[in-house]
Amino acid sequence: MSGSGKDDLESPVDFNECVSKTELTKLLADQRTYMEEKFGELMRHINNAVTRIEHVEQQRPPPPPPPER
């Protein structure tokens, strides 16, 4: 890392700061799964809202009240 690129990033000083490629790959896969689940949930909520709006728009208006005398 250090001195190997244009950005000249520093290597971690403490070994505990390092992450193995396997751990990083698993973390990224877990994050992707989580984001896909949340996106699916969001799309279901949007579709439900649209369906409800369409249902309300298709309802007939209530009859007018009888005229007062």
C-alpha atoms as a PDB file:
ATOM      1  CA  MET A   1       0.000   0.000   0.000  1.00  0.00           C
ATOM      2  CA  SER A   2       2.442   2.611   1.133  1.00  0.00           C
ATOM      3  CA  GLY A   3       4.334   4.145  -1.763  1.00  0.00           C
ATOM      4  CA  SER A   4       2.659   1.877  -4.320  1.00  0.00           C
ATOM      5  CA  GLY A   5       0.239   4.353  -5.908  1.00  0.00           C
ATOM      6  CA  LYS A   6      -0.486   7.944  -6.699  1.00  0.00           C
ATOM      7  CA  ASP A   7      -2.459   8.450  -3.485  1.00  0.00           C
ATOM      8  CA  ASP A   8       0.398   7.117  -1.346  1.00  0.00           C
ATOM      9  CA  LEU A   9      -1.966   5.672   1.296  1.00  0.00           C
ATOM     10  CA  GLU A  10      -0.451   4.610   4.597  1.00  0.00           C
ATOM     11  CA  SER A  11      -0.524   0.978   5.669  1.00  0.00           C
ATOM     12  CA  PRO A  12      -2.351   0.237   8.907  1.00  0.00           C
ATOM     13  CA  VAL A  13      -0.032   0.552  11.894  1.00  0.00           C
ATOM     14  CA  ASP A  14      -1.909  -1.962  14.014  1.00  0.00           C
ATOM     15  CA  PHE A  15      -2.531  -5.455  12.644  1.00  0.00           C
ATOM     16  CA  ASN A  16      -6.082  -5.331  14.061  1.00  0.00           C
ATOM     17  CA  GLU A  17      -6.890  -2.591  11.521  1.00  0.00           C
ATOM     18  CA  CYS A  18      -6.279  -5.010   8.632  1.00  0.00           C
ATOM     19  CA  VAL A  19      -9.144  -6.882   6.967  1.00  0.00           C
ATOM     20  CA  SER A  20      -8.649 -10.041   4.971  1.00  0.00           C
ATOM     21  CA  LYS A  21      -9.926 -10.278   1.420  1.00  0.00           C
ATOM     22  CA  THR A  22     -12.389 -12.973   2.532  1.00  0.00           C
ATOM     23  CA  GLU A  23     -13.785 -10.769   5.312  1.00  0.00           C
ATOM     24  CA  LEU A  24     -14.099  -7.811   2.960  1.00  0.00           C
ATOM     25  CA  THR A  25     -15.782  -9.921   0.279  1.00  0.00           C
ATOM     26  CA  LYS A  26     -18.268 -11.294   2.831  1.00  0.00           C
ATOM     27  CA  LEU A  27     -18.958  -7.806   4.178  1.00  0.00           C
ATOM     28  CA  LEU A  28     -19.643  -6.493   0.680  1.00  0.00           C
ATOM     29  CA  ALA A  29     -21.906  -9.455  -0.123  1.00  0.00           C
ATOM     30  CA  ASP A  30     -23.805  -8.953   3.148  1.00  0.00           C
ATOM     31  CA  GLN A  31     -24.224  -5.240   2.436  1.00  0.00           C
ATOM     32  CA  ARG A  32     -25.461  -5.949  -1.094  1.00  0.00           C
ATOM     33  CA  THR A  33     -28.006  -8.456   0.236  1.00  0.00           C
ATOM     34  CA  TYR A  34     -29.181  -5.996   2.884  1.00  0.00           C
ATOM     35  CA  MET A  35     -29.547  -3.195   0.323  1.00  0.00           C
ATOM     36  CA  GLU A  36     -31.446  -5.470  -2.084  1.00  0.00           C
ATOM     37  CA  GLU A  37     -33.836  -6.511   0.694  1.00  0.00           C
ATOM     38  CA  LYS A  38     -34.440  -2.892   1.725  1.00  0.00           C
ATOM     39  CA  PHE A  39     -34.922  -1.846  -1.902  1.00  0.00           C
ATOM     40  CA  GLY A  40     -37.443  -4.657  -2.401  1.00  0.00           C
ATOM     41  CA  GLU A  41     -39.264  -3.591   0.760  1.00  0.00           C
ATOM     42  CA  LEU A  42     -39.344   0.026  -0.435  1.00  0.00           C
ATOM     43  CA  MET A  43     -40.712  -1.026  -3.837  1.00  0.00           C
ATOM     44  CA  ARG A  44     -43.468  -3.076  -2.159  1.00  0.00           C
ATOM     45  CA  HIS A  45     -44.470  -0.054  -0.055  1.00  0.00           C
ATOM     46  CA  ILE A  46     -44.539   2.179  -3.132  1.00  0.00           C
ATOM     47  CA  ASN A  47     -46.595  -0.357  -5.096  1.00  0.00           C
ATOM     48  CA  ASN A  48     -49.052  -0.693  -2.193  1.00  0.00           C
ATOM     49  CA  ALA A  49     -49.412   3.099  -1.987  1.00  0.00           C
ATOM     50  CA  VAL A  50     -50.008   3.363  -5.739  1.00  0.00           C
ATOM     51  CA  THR A  51     -52.602   0.577  -5.585  1.00  0.00           C
ATOM     52  CA  ARG A  52     -54.423   2.316  -2.737  1.00  0.00           C
ATOM     53  CA  ILE A  53     -54.383   5.654  -4.560  1.00  0.00           C
ATOM     54  CA  GLU A  54     -55.780   3.995  -7.695  1.00  0.00           C
ATOM     55  CA  HIS A  55     -58.517   2.364  -5.609  1.00  0.00           C
ATOM     56  CA  VAL A  56     -59.496   5.694  -4.053  1.00  0.00           C
ATOM     57  CA  GLU A  57     -59.507   7.405  -7.455  1.00  0.00           C
ATOM     58  CA  GLN A  58     -61.848   4.743  -8.883  1.00  0.00           C
ATOM     59  CA  GLN A  59     -64.443   5.029  -6.107  1.00  0.00           C
ATOM     60  CA  ARG A  60     -67.642   6.841  -6.911  1.00  0.00           C
ATOM     61  CA  PRO A  61     -68.191  10.066  -5.018  1.00  0.00           C
ATOM     62  CA  PRO A  62     -70.844   9.892  -2.299  1.00  0.00           C
ATOM     63  CA  PRO A  63     -74.308  11.043  -3.331  1.00  0.00           C
ATOM     64  CA  PRO A  64     -75.049  14.677  -2.591  1.00  0.00           C
ATOM     65  CA  PRO A  65     -77.118  15.369   0.503  1.00  0.00           C
ATOM     66  CA  PRO A  66     -80.817  16.000  -0.049  1.00  0.00           C
ATOM     67  CA  PRO A  67     -81.736  19.630  -0.511  1.00  0.00           C
ATOM     68  CA  GLU A  68     -82.751  21.494   2.613  1.00  0.00           C
ATOM     69  CA  ARG A  69     -86.232  22.966   2.823  1.00  0.00           C
END
